[in-house]
C-alpha atoms as a PDB file:
ATOM      1  CA  MET A   1      48.899 -21.643   0.836  1.00  0.00           C
ATOM      2  CA  LEU A   2      46.326 -23.707  -1.044  1.00  0.00           C
ATOM      3  CA  ALA A   3      43.674 -22.016  -3.208  1.00  0.00           C
ATOM      4  CA  LEU A   4      40.318 -23.826  -3.455  1.00  0.00           C
ATOM      5  CA  LEU A   5      38.311 -22.997  -6.580  1.00  0.00           C
ATOM      6  CA  ALA A   6      34.974 -24.649  -7.383  1.00  0.00           C
ATOM      7  CA  ASP A   7      32.184 -24.215  -9.923  1.00  0.00           C
ATOM      8  CA  ILE A   8      34.074 -22.101 -12.429  1.00  0.00           C
ATOM      9  CA  HIS A   9      31.403 -22.841 -15.049  1.00  0.00           C
ATOM     10  CA  ALA A  10      33.356 -21.617 -18.073  1.00  0.00           C
ATOM     11  CA  ASN A  11      33.609 -18.072 -16.682  1.00  0.00           C
ATOM     12  CA  LEU A  12      37.106 -17.041 -17.721  1.00  0.00           C
ATOM     13  CA  GLU A  13      36.991 -13.534 -16.246  1.00  0.00           C
ATOM     14  CA  ALA A  14      35.973 -14.806 -12.813  1.00  0.00           C
ATOM     15  CA  LEU A  15      38.634 -17.528 -12.900  1.00  0.00           C
ATOM     16  CA  GLU A  16      41.379 -15.089 -13.812  1.00  0.00           C
ATOM     17  CA  ALA A  17      40.266 -12.695 -11.064  1.00  0.00           C
ATOM     18  CA  CYS A  18      40.367 -15.427  -8.408  1.00  0.00           C
ATOM     19  CA  LEU A  19      43.721 -16.779  -9.572  1.00  0.00           C
ATOM     20  CA  ALA A  20      45.227 -13.289  -9.469  1.00  0.00           C
ATOM     21  CA  ASP A  21      43.816 -12.698  -5.980  1.00  0.00           C
ATOM     22  CA  ALA A  22      45.149 -16.064  -4.776  1.00  0.00           C
ATOM     23  CA  ARG A  23      48.627 -15.439  -6.178  1.00  0.00           C
ATOM     24  CA  GLY A  24      48.688 -12.037  -4.534  1.00  0.00           C
ATOM     25  CA  ARG A  25      47.862 -13.635  -1.198  1.00  0.00           C
ATOM     26  CA  GLY A  26      50.612 -16.205  -1.375  1.00  0.00           C
ATOM     27  CA  ALA A  27      48.964 -19.256  -2.941  1.00  0.00           C
ATOM     28  CA  THR A  28      51.493 -21.827  -4.101  1.00  0.00           C
ATOM     29  CA  ARG A  29      49.109 -24.735  -4.687  1.00  0.00           C
ATOM     30  CA  TYR A  30      45.713 -24.932  -6.347  1.00  0.00           C
ATOM     31  CA  ALA A  31      42.745 -27.304  -6.205  1.00  0.00           C
ATOM     32  CA  PHE A  32      39.937 -27.071  -8.753  1.00  0.00           C
ATOM     33  CA  LEU A  33      36.873 -28.693  -7.223  1.00  0.00           C
ATOM     34  CA  GLY A  34      34.738 -29.561 -10.228  1.00  0.00           C
ATOM     35  CA  ASP A  35      32.272 -28.005 -12.668  1.00  0.00           C
ATOM     36  CA  LEU A  36      34.943 -26.382 -14.748  1.00  0.00           C
ATOM     37  CA  VAL A  37      32.421 -26.016 -17.586  1.00  0.00           C
ATOM     38  CA  GLY A  38      28.674 -25.566 -18.067  1.00  0.00           C
ATOM     39  CA  TYR A  39      26.562 -22.383 -18.030  1.00  0.00           C
ATOM     40  CA  GLY A  40      29.319 -20.083 -19.300  1.00  0.00           C
ATOM     41  CA  ALA A  41      30.659 -19.256 -22.759  1.00  0.00           C
ATOM     42  CA  ASP A  42      34.415 -19.829 -22.381  1.00  0.00           C
ATOM     43  CA  PRO A  43      34.787 -23.591 -21.829  1.00  0.00           C
ATOM     44  CA  ALA A  44      37.845 -24.032 -24.056  1.00  0.00           C
ATOM     45  CA  ALA A  45      39.749 -21.157 -22.472  1.00  0.00           C
ATOM     46  CA  VAL A  46      38.879 -22.263 -18.924  1.00  0.00           C
ATOM     47  CA  VAL A  47      39.840 -25.881 -19.599  1.00  0.00           C
ATOM     48  CA  GLY A  48      43.095 -24.676 -21.132  1.00  0.00           C
ATOM     49  CA  VAL A  49      43.982 -22.610 -18.071  1.00  0.00           C
ATOM     50  CA  ILE A  50      43.166 -25.389 -15.617  1.00  0.00           C
ATOM     51  CA  ARG A  51      44.989 -28.052 -17.650  1.00  0.00           C
ATOM     52  CA  GLY A  52      48.042 -25.823 -17.388  1.00  0.00           C
ATOM     53  CA  TYR A  53      47.743 -25.733 -13.617  1.00  0.00           C
ATOM     54  CA  ALA A  54      47.158 -29.499 -13.530  1.00  0.00           C
ATOM     55  CA  ALA A  55      50.401 -30.030 -15.457  1.00  0.00           C
ATOM     56  CA  GLU A  56      52.165 -28.169 -12.646  1.00  0.00           C
ATOM     57  CA  GLY A  57      50.637 -30.358  -9.916  1.00  0.00           C
ATOM     58  CA  ALA A  58      47.240 -28.796  -9.173  1.00  0.00           C
ATOM     59  CA  VAL A  59      44.473 -31.070  -7.924  1.00  0.00           C
ATOM     60  CA  VAL A  60      41.481 -31.251 -10.296  1.00  0.00           C
ATOM     61  CA  VAL A  61      38.316 -33.269  -9.587  1.00  0.00           C
ATOM     62  CA  GLN A  62      35.300 -33.880 -11.780  1.00  0.00           C
ATOM     63  CA  GLY A  63      31.971 -32.127 -11.318  1.00  0.00           C
ATOM     64  CA  ASN A  64      28.559 -33.124 -12.629  1.00  0.00           C
ATOM     65  CA  HIS A  65      28.729 -30.670 -15.548  1.00  0.00           C
ATOM     66  CA  ASP A  66      32.154 -32.002 -16.521  1.00  0.00           C
ATOM     67  CA  ALA A  67      30.776 -35.538 -16.425  1.00  0.00           C
ATOM     68  CA  ALA A  68      27.777 -34.471 -18.498  1.00  0.00           C
ATOM     69  CA  VAL A  69      30.011 -33.090 -21.247  1.00  0.00           C
ATOM     70  CA  ALA A  70      32.008 -36.324 -21.350  1.00  0.00           C
ATOM     71  CA  ARG A  71      29.127 -38.782 -20.960  1.00  0.00           C
ATOM     72  CA  SER A  72      25.414 -38.142 -20.303  1.00  0.00           C
ATOM     73  CA  THR A  73      23.265 -35.060 -19.732  1.00  0.00           C
ATOM     74  CA  GLY A  74      20.783 -36.992 -17.580  1.00  0.00           C
ATOM     75  CA  GLY A  75      19.624 -35.198 -14.448  1.00  0.00           C
ATOM     76  CA  LEU A  76      20.250 -31.682 -15.750  1.00  0.00           C
ATOM     77  CA  SER A  77      17.660 -29.010 -16.449  1.00  0.00           C
ATOM     78  CA  GLU A  78      16.724 -28.247 -20.039  1.00  0.00           C
ATOM     79  CA  GLY A  79      18.800 -25.078 -20.099  1.00  0.00           C
ATOM     80  CA  ALA A  80      21.811 -26.800 -18.598  1.00  0.00           C
ATOM     81  CA  ARG A  81      21.480 -29.625 -21.138  1.00  0.00           C
ATOM     82  CA  ASP A  82      21.400 -27.132 -24.000  1.00  0.00           C
ATOM     83  CA  THR A  83      24.589 -25.527 -22.693  1.00  0.00           C
ATOM     84  CA  ILE A  84      26.291 -28.906 -22.309  1.00  0.00           C
ATOM     85  CA  LEU A  85      25.441 -29.822 -25.916  1.00  0.00           C
ATOM     86  CA  TRP A  86      26.851 -26.464 -27.057  1.00  0.00           C
ATOM     87  CA  THR A  87      29.970 -27.053 -24.942  1.00  0.00           C
ATOM     88  CA  ARG A  88      30.560 -30.394 -26.659  1.00  0.00           C
ATOM     89  CA  GLU A  89      30.584 -28.608 -30.005  1.00  0.00           C
ATOM     90  CA  VAL A  90      33.047 -25.962 -28.793  1.00  0.00           C
ATOM     91  CA  LEU A  91      35.526 -28.308 -27.109  1.00  0.00           C
ATOM     92  CA  GLY A  92      37.860 -30.669 -28.924  1.00  0.00           C
ATOM     93  CA  LYS A  93      37.829 -34.429 -28.420  1.00  0.00           C
ATOM     94  CA  GLU A  94      40.997 -34.282 -26.332  1.00  0.00           C
ATOM     95  CA  GLU A  95      39.503 -31.696 -23.982  1.00  0.00           C
ATOM     96  CA  ILE A  96      36.300 -33.715 -23.583  1.00  0.00           C
ATOM     97  CA  SER A  97      38.312 -36.862 -22.927  1.00  0.00           C
ATOM     98  CA  TRP A  98      40.332 -35.010 -20.287  1.00  0.00           C
ATOM     99  CA  LEU A  99      37.166 -33.874 -18.504  1.00  0.00           C
ATOM    100  CA  GLY A 100      35.889 -37.440 -18.556  1.00  0.00           C
ATOM    101  CA  SER A 101      39.135 -38.764 -17.083  1.00  0.00           C
ATOM    102  CA  LEU A 102      39.100 -36.533 -14.013  1.00  0.00           C
ATOM    103  CA  PRO A 103      38.752 -38.327 -10.672  1.00  0.00           C
ATOM    104  CA  LEU A 104      35.631 -37.909  -8.567  1.00  0.00           C
ATOM    105  CA  SER A 105      37.727 -37.348  -5.460  1.00  0.00           C
ATOM    106  CA  VAL A 106      41.361 -37.017  -4.442  1.00  0.00           C
ATOM    107  CA  ARG A 107      42.772 -37.803  -1.009  1.00  0.00           C
ATOM    108  CA  GLU A 108      46.136 -36.686   0.297  1.00  0.00           C
ATOM    109  CA  GLU A 109      47.249 -36.910   3.904  1.00  0.00           C
ATOM    110  CA  LYS A 110      44.497 -35.269   5.986  1.00  0.00           C
ATOM    111  CA  ILE A 111      42.594 -33.664   3.072  1.00  0.00           C
ATOM    112  CA  CYS A 112      39.816 -34.936   0.800  1.00  0.00           C
ATOM    113  CA  PHE A 113      38.956 -32.997  -2.366  1.00  0.00           C
ATOM    114  CA  VAL A 114      35.551 -33.699  -3.936  1.00  0.00           C
ATOM    115  CA  HIS A 115      32.965 -31.768  -5.929  1.00  0.00           C
ATOM    116  CA  ALA A 116      29.866 -32.886  -4.020  1.00  0.00           C
ATOM    117  CA  SER A 117      29.766 -35.499  -1.234  1.00  0.00           C
ATOM    118  CA  ALA A 118      32.598 -37.885  -0.416  1.00  0.00           C
ATOM    119  CA  ALA A 119      29.911 -40.353   0.657  1.00  0.00           C
ATOM    120  CA  SER A 120      28.628 -40.773  -2.903  1.00  0.00           C
ATOM    121  CA  PRO A 121      30.660 -38.634  -5.323  1.00  0.00           C
ATOM    122  CA  ALA A 122      28.931 -39.910  -8.471  1.00  0.00           C
ATOM    123  CA  ARG A 123      25.437 -39.154  -7.133  1.00  0.00           C
ATOM    124  CA  TRP A 124      26.210 -35.426  -6.854  1.00  0.00           C
ATOM    125  CA  GLU A 125      24.523 -34.986  -3.480  1.00  0.00           C
ATOM    126  CA  TYR A 126      24.161 -31.395  -2.312  1.00  0.00           C
ATOM    127  CA  LEU A 127      25.619 -30.653   1.116  1.00  0.00           C
ATOM    128  CA  GLU A 128      22.920 -28.348   2.419  1.00  0.00           C
ATOM    129  CA  ASP A 129      22.763 -29.239   6.104  1.00  0.00           C
ATOM    130  CA  PRO A 130      24.899 -30.690   8.919  1.00  0.00           C
ATOM    131  CA  ALA A 131      23.552 -34.211   8.364  1.00  0.00           C
ATOM    132  CA  SER A 132      24.706 -34.360   4.736  1.00  0.00           C
ATOM    133  CA  ALA A 133      28.019 -32.763   5.698  1.00  0.00           C
ATOM    134  CA  LYS A 134      28.522 -35.448   8.359  1.00  0.00           C
ATOM    135  CA  ARG A 135      27.935 -38.208   5.811  1.00  0.00           C
ATOM    136  CA  SER A 136      30.598 -36.673   3.611  1.00  0.00           C
ATOM    137  CA  ALA A 137      33.065 -36.237   6.484  1.00  0.00           C
ATOM    138  CA  ASP A 138      32.493 -39.806   7.694  1.00  0.00           C
ATOM    139  CA  ALA A 139      33.187 -41.176   4.218  1.00  0.00           C
ATOM    140  CA  ALA A 140      36.214 -38.957   3.661  1.00  0.00           C
ATOM    141  CA  GLY A 141      37.874 -39.944   6.938  1.00  0.00           C
ATOM    142  CA  SER A 142      39.895 -36.720   6.732  1.00  0.00           C
ATOM    143  CA  SER A 143      40.378 -33.698   8.944  1.00  0.00           C
ATOM    144  CA  TRP A 144      39.440 -31.404   6.056  1.00  0.00           C
ATOM    145  CA  THR A 145      37.008 -32.092   3.218  1.00  0.00           C
ATOM    146  CA  PHE A 146      36.904 -29.413   0.519  1.00  0.00           C
ATOM    147  CA  GLY A 147      34.186 -29.172  -2.128  1.00  0.00           C
ATOM    148  CA  GLY A 148      31.699 -27.040  -4.007  1.00  0.00           C
ATOM    149  CA  HIS A 149      28.505 -27.882  -5.931  1.00  0.00           C
ATOM    150  CA  VAL A 150      26.064 -25.766  -3.873  1.00  0.00           C
ATOM    151  CA  HIS A 151      27.322 -22.373  -5.184  1.00  0.00           C
ATOM    152  CA  HIS A 152      27.527 -20.671  -1.808  1.00  0.00           C
ATOM    153  CA  GLN A 153      30.180 -20.538   0.882  1.00  0.00           C
ATOM    154  CA  MET A 154      29.637 -22.648   3.980  1.00  0.00           C
ATOM    155  CA  LEU A 155      31.687 -24.322   6.685  1.00  0.00           C
ATOM    156  CA  TYR A 156      30.668 -27.343   8.757  1.00  0.00           C
ATOM    157  CA  PHE A 157      32.603 -28.539  11.787  1.00  0.00           C
ATOM    158  CA  GLY A 158      32.521 -31.554  14.053  1.00  0.00           C
ATOM    159  CA  THR A 159      31.271 -31.122  17.604  1.00  0.00           C
ATOM    160  CA  ALA A 160      32.444 -32.887  20.751  1.00  0.00           C
ATOM    161  CA  GLY A 161      29.436 -35.204  20.570  1.00  0.00           C
ATOM    162  CA  GLY A 162      30.275 -36.371  17.055  1.00  0.00           C
ATOM    163  CA  ALA A 163      27.624 -34.348  15.198  1.00  0.00           C
ATOM    164  CA  MET A 164      28.338 -31.452  12.861  1.00  0.00           C
ATOM    165  CA  SER A 165      27.311 -27.812  13.048  1.00  0.00           C
ATOM    166  CA  ALA A 166      27.047 -25.185  10.336  1.00  0.00           C
ATOM    167  CA  PHE A 167      28.888 -21.883  10.209  1.00  0.00           C
ATOM    168  CA  VAL A 168      28.400 -19.143   7.619  1.00  0.00           C
ATOM    169  CA  PRO A 169      31.858 -17.645   7.046  1.00  0.00           C
ATOM    170  CA  VAL A 170      32.476 -13.931   6.662  1.00  0.00           C
ATOM    171  CA  PRO A 171      34.553 -13.280   3.522  1.00  0.00           C
ATOM    172  CA  GLY A 172      38.019 -12.026   4.378  1.00  0.00           C
ATOM    173  CA  SER A 173      37.968 -13.308   7.962  1.00  0.00           C
ATOM    174  CA  LEU A 174      40.505 -15.954   8.958  1.00  0.00           C
ATOM    175  CA  VAL A 175      38.894 -19.050  10.499  1.00  0.00           C
ATOM    176  CA  PRO A 176      40.973 -21.434  12.639  1.00  0.00           C
ATOM    177  CA  THR A 177      40.333 -25.012  11.456  1.00  0.00           C
ATOM    178  CA  PRO A 178      42.509 -27.262  13.661  1.00  0.00           C
ATOM    179  CA  ARG A 179      42.865 -30.918  12.722  1.00  0.00           C
ATOM    180  CA  THR A 180      41.520 -31.886  16.144  1.00  0.00           C
ATOM    181  CA  ARG A 181      38.048 -31.358  14.632  1.00  0.00           C
ATOM    182  CA  ARG A 182      36.591 -32.461  11.302  1.00  0.00           C
ATOM    183  CA  TRP A 183      35.827 -29.736   8.777  1.00  0.00           C
ATOM    184  CA  VAL A 184      33.747 -29.691   5.602  1.00  0.00           C
ATOM    185  CA  ALA A 185      34.270 -26.484   3.633  1.00  0.00           C
ATOM    186  CA  ILE A 186      32.232 -25.386   0.621  1.00  0.00           C
ATOM    187  CA  ALA A 187      34.423 -22.955  -1.291  1.00  0.00           C
ATOM    188  CA  GLY A 188      31.589 -21.189  -3.134  1.00  0.00           C
ATOM    189  CA  SER A 189      31.325 -20.637  -6.870  1.00  0.00           C
ATOM    190  CA  VAL A 190      33.985 -18.860  -8.877  1.00  0.00           C
ATOM    191  CA  GLY A 191      31.853 -18.433 -11.966  1.00  0.00           C
ATOM    192  CA  GLN A 192      28.235 -18.325 -10.853  1.00  0.00           C
ATOM    193  CA  PRO A 193      27.699 -17.468  -7.169  1.00  0.00           C
ATOM    194  CA  ARG A 194      24.091 -17.521  -6.022  1.00  0.00           C
ATOM    195  CA  GLU A 195      24.101 -15.221  -3.032  1.00  0.00           C
ATOM    196  CA  ARG A 196      22.892 -12.094  -4.886  1.00  0.00           C
ATOM    197  CA  ASN A 197      26.493 -10.936  -4.869  1.00  0.00           C
ATOM    198  CA  PRO A 198      28.246 -10.974  -8.262  1.00  0.00           C
ATOM    199  CA  ALA A 199      31.760 -11.161  -6.782  1.00  0.00           C
ATOM    200  CA  ALA A 200      33.548 -14.428  -7.549  1.00  0.00           C
ATOM    201  CA  ALA A 201      34.000 -16.790  -4.604  1.00  0.00           C
ATOM    202  CA  TYR A 202      36.852 -19.080  -3.578  1.00  0.00           C
ATOM    203  CA  ALA A 203      38.785 -19.989  -0.425  1.00  0.00           C
ATOM    204  CA  LEU A 204      42.365 -20.149   0.832  1.00  0.00           C
ATOM    205  CA  PHE A 205      43.635 -22.882   3.148  1.00  0.00           C
ATOM    206  CA  ASP A 206      46.870 -22.533   5.114  1.00  0.00           C
ATOM    207  CA  PRO A 207      47.948 -26.107   6.010  1.00  0.00           C
ATOM    208  CA  GLN A 208      50.730 -24.939   8.312  1.00  0.00           C
ATOM    209  CA  ARG A 209      48.548 -22.658  10.426  1.00  0.00           C
ATOM    210  CA  GLU A 210      45.434 -24.788   9.789  1.00  0.00           C
ATOM    211  CA  THR A 211      43.254 -21.825   8.857  1.00  0.00           C
ATOM    212  CA  LEU A 212      40.693 -21.060   6.164  1.00  0.00           C
ATOM    213  CA  THR A 213      39.882 -17.706   4.620  1.00  0.00           C
ATOM    214  CA  PHE A 214      36.869 -17.382   2.349  1.00  0.00           C
ATOM    215  CA  ARG A 215      37.288 -14.786  -0.369  1.00  0.00           C
ATOM    216  CA  ARG A 216      34.959 -12.710  -2.598  1.00  0.00           C
ATOM    217  CA  VAL A 217      36.610 -11.049  -5.577  1.00  0.00           C
ATOM    218  CA  PRO A 218      34.873  -8.238  -7.522  1.00  0.00           C
ATOM    219  CA  TYR A 219      35.451  -8.259 -11.292  1.00  0.00           C
ATOM    220  CA  ASP A 220      33.707  -7.173 -14.496  1.00  0.00           C
ATOM    221  CA  HIS A 221      30.858  -9.686 -14.206  1.00  0.00           C
ATOM    222  CA  ALA A 222      28.987  -8.068 -17.098  1.00  0.00           C
ATOM    223  CA  ALA A 223      31.650  -9.288 -19.546  1.00  0.00           C
ATOM    224  CA  PRO A 224      30.915 -13.036 -19.204  1.00  0.00           C
ATOM    225  CA  ALA A 225      27.180 -12.292 -19.208  1.00  0.00           C
ATOM    226  CA  ARG A 226      27.562 -10.581 -22.579  1.00  0.00           C
ATOM    227  CA  LYS A 227      29.454 -13.619 -23.894  1.00  0.00           C
ATOM    228  CA  VAL A 228      26.651 -15.956 -22.765  1.00  0.00           C
ATOM    229  CA  ARG A 229      24.100 -13.901 -24.689  1.00  0.00           C
ATOM    230  CA  ALA A 230      26.355 -13.545 -27.745  1.00  0.00           C
ATOM    231  CA  ALA A 231      26.787 -17.331 -27.871  1.00  0.00           C
ATOM    232  CA  GLY A 232      23.014 -17.820 -27.872  1.00  0.00           C
ATOM    233  CA  LEU A 233      23.050 -19.698 -24.579  1.00  0.00           C
ATOM    234  CA  PRO A 234      20.027 -19.559 -22.237  1.00  0.00           C
ATOM    235  CA  ASP A 235      19.661 -16.024 -20.920  1.00  0.00           C
ATOM    236  CA  LEU A 236      19.134 -17.413 -17.420  1.00  0.00           C
ATOM    237  CA  PHE A 237      22.862 -18.092 -17.223  1.00  0.00           C
ATOM    238  CA  ALA A 238      23.640 -14.438 -17.858  1.00  0.00           C
ATOM    239  CA  ARG A 239      21.420 -13.340 -14.961  1.00  0.00           C
ATOM    240  CA  TRP A 240      23.064 -14.829 -11.874  1.00  0.00           C
ATOM    241  CA  VAL A 241      23.660 -11.346 -10.456  1.00  0.00           C
ATOM    242  CA  PRO A 242      21.178  -8.820  -8.981  1.00  0.00           C
END
């Protein structure tokens, strides 16, 4: 079982909740799909946890907030820029260098891992409709393309005519995803979901049965919000819940 975790955004409590849920459901492999940092107040702890998983073989790809910490804050909102500058002060040089060294995408067998679009990973395109999902699937050339970036859970699938259709998954429901079609799955955001539901979001992929299960994991979401405020970060990033 492969756990797919995207957009952690330095939210340690949400990350730990999702990892515990994944382990309890039989996950043996992990893929972290970018934006490990940004917005939240625990970048060092989150990077430390994920570097530990990477040392044991987990896939880790770079997100736009990770790239911003390592290089340039261009293209981000003022609040996001302020948080990135703060994150640079909190992280050590080795941690920043590690974020900057992460690949934009990883391909293995029939799977492509990417934060945004496989068609242009460094442009951070949002996959918000079937047309953008098709561009990503075409570029990936894989049966399954797994990503994040848009902070909500979504599944796109190839049709018989070659187009793609959108499907909003129901958390907890198993979805057959046979390799005879092409699939683009957005895992949702671990650390800052934007569906007016504070539960952390991730997904589980079973490569043997070729199924996906999207998960929502309740946790003490007020704890990371308090940390954001205590660190003096923009209050907006403590108010992602109803």
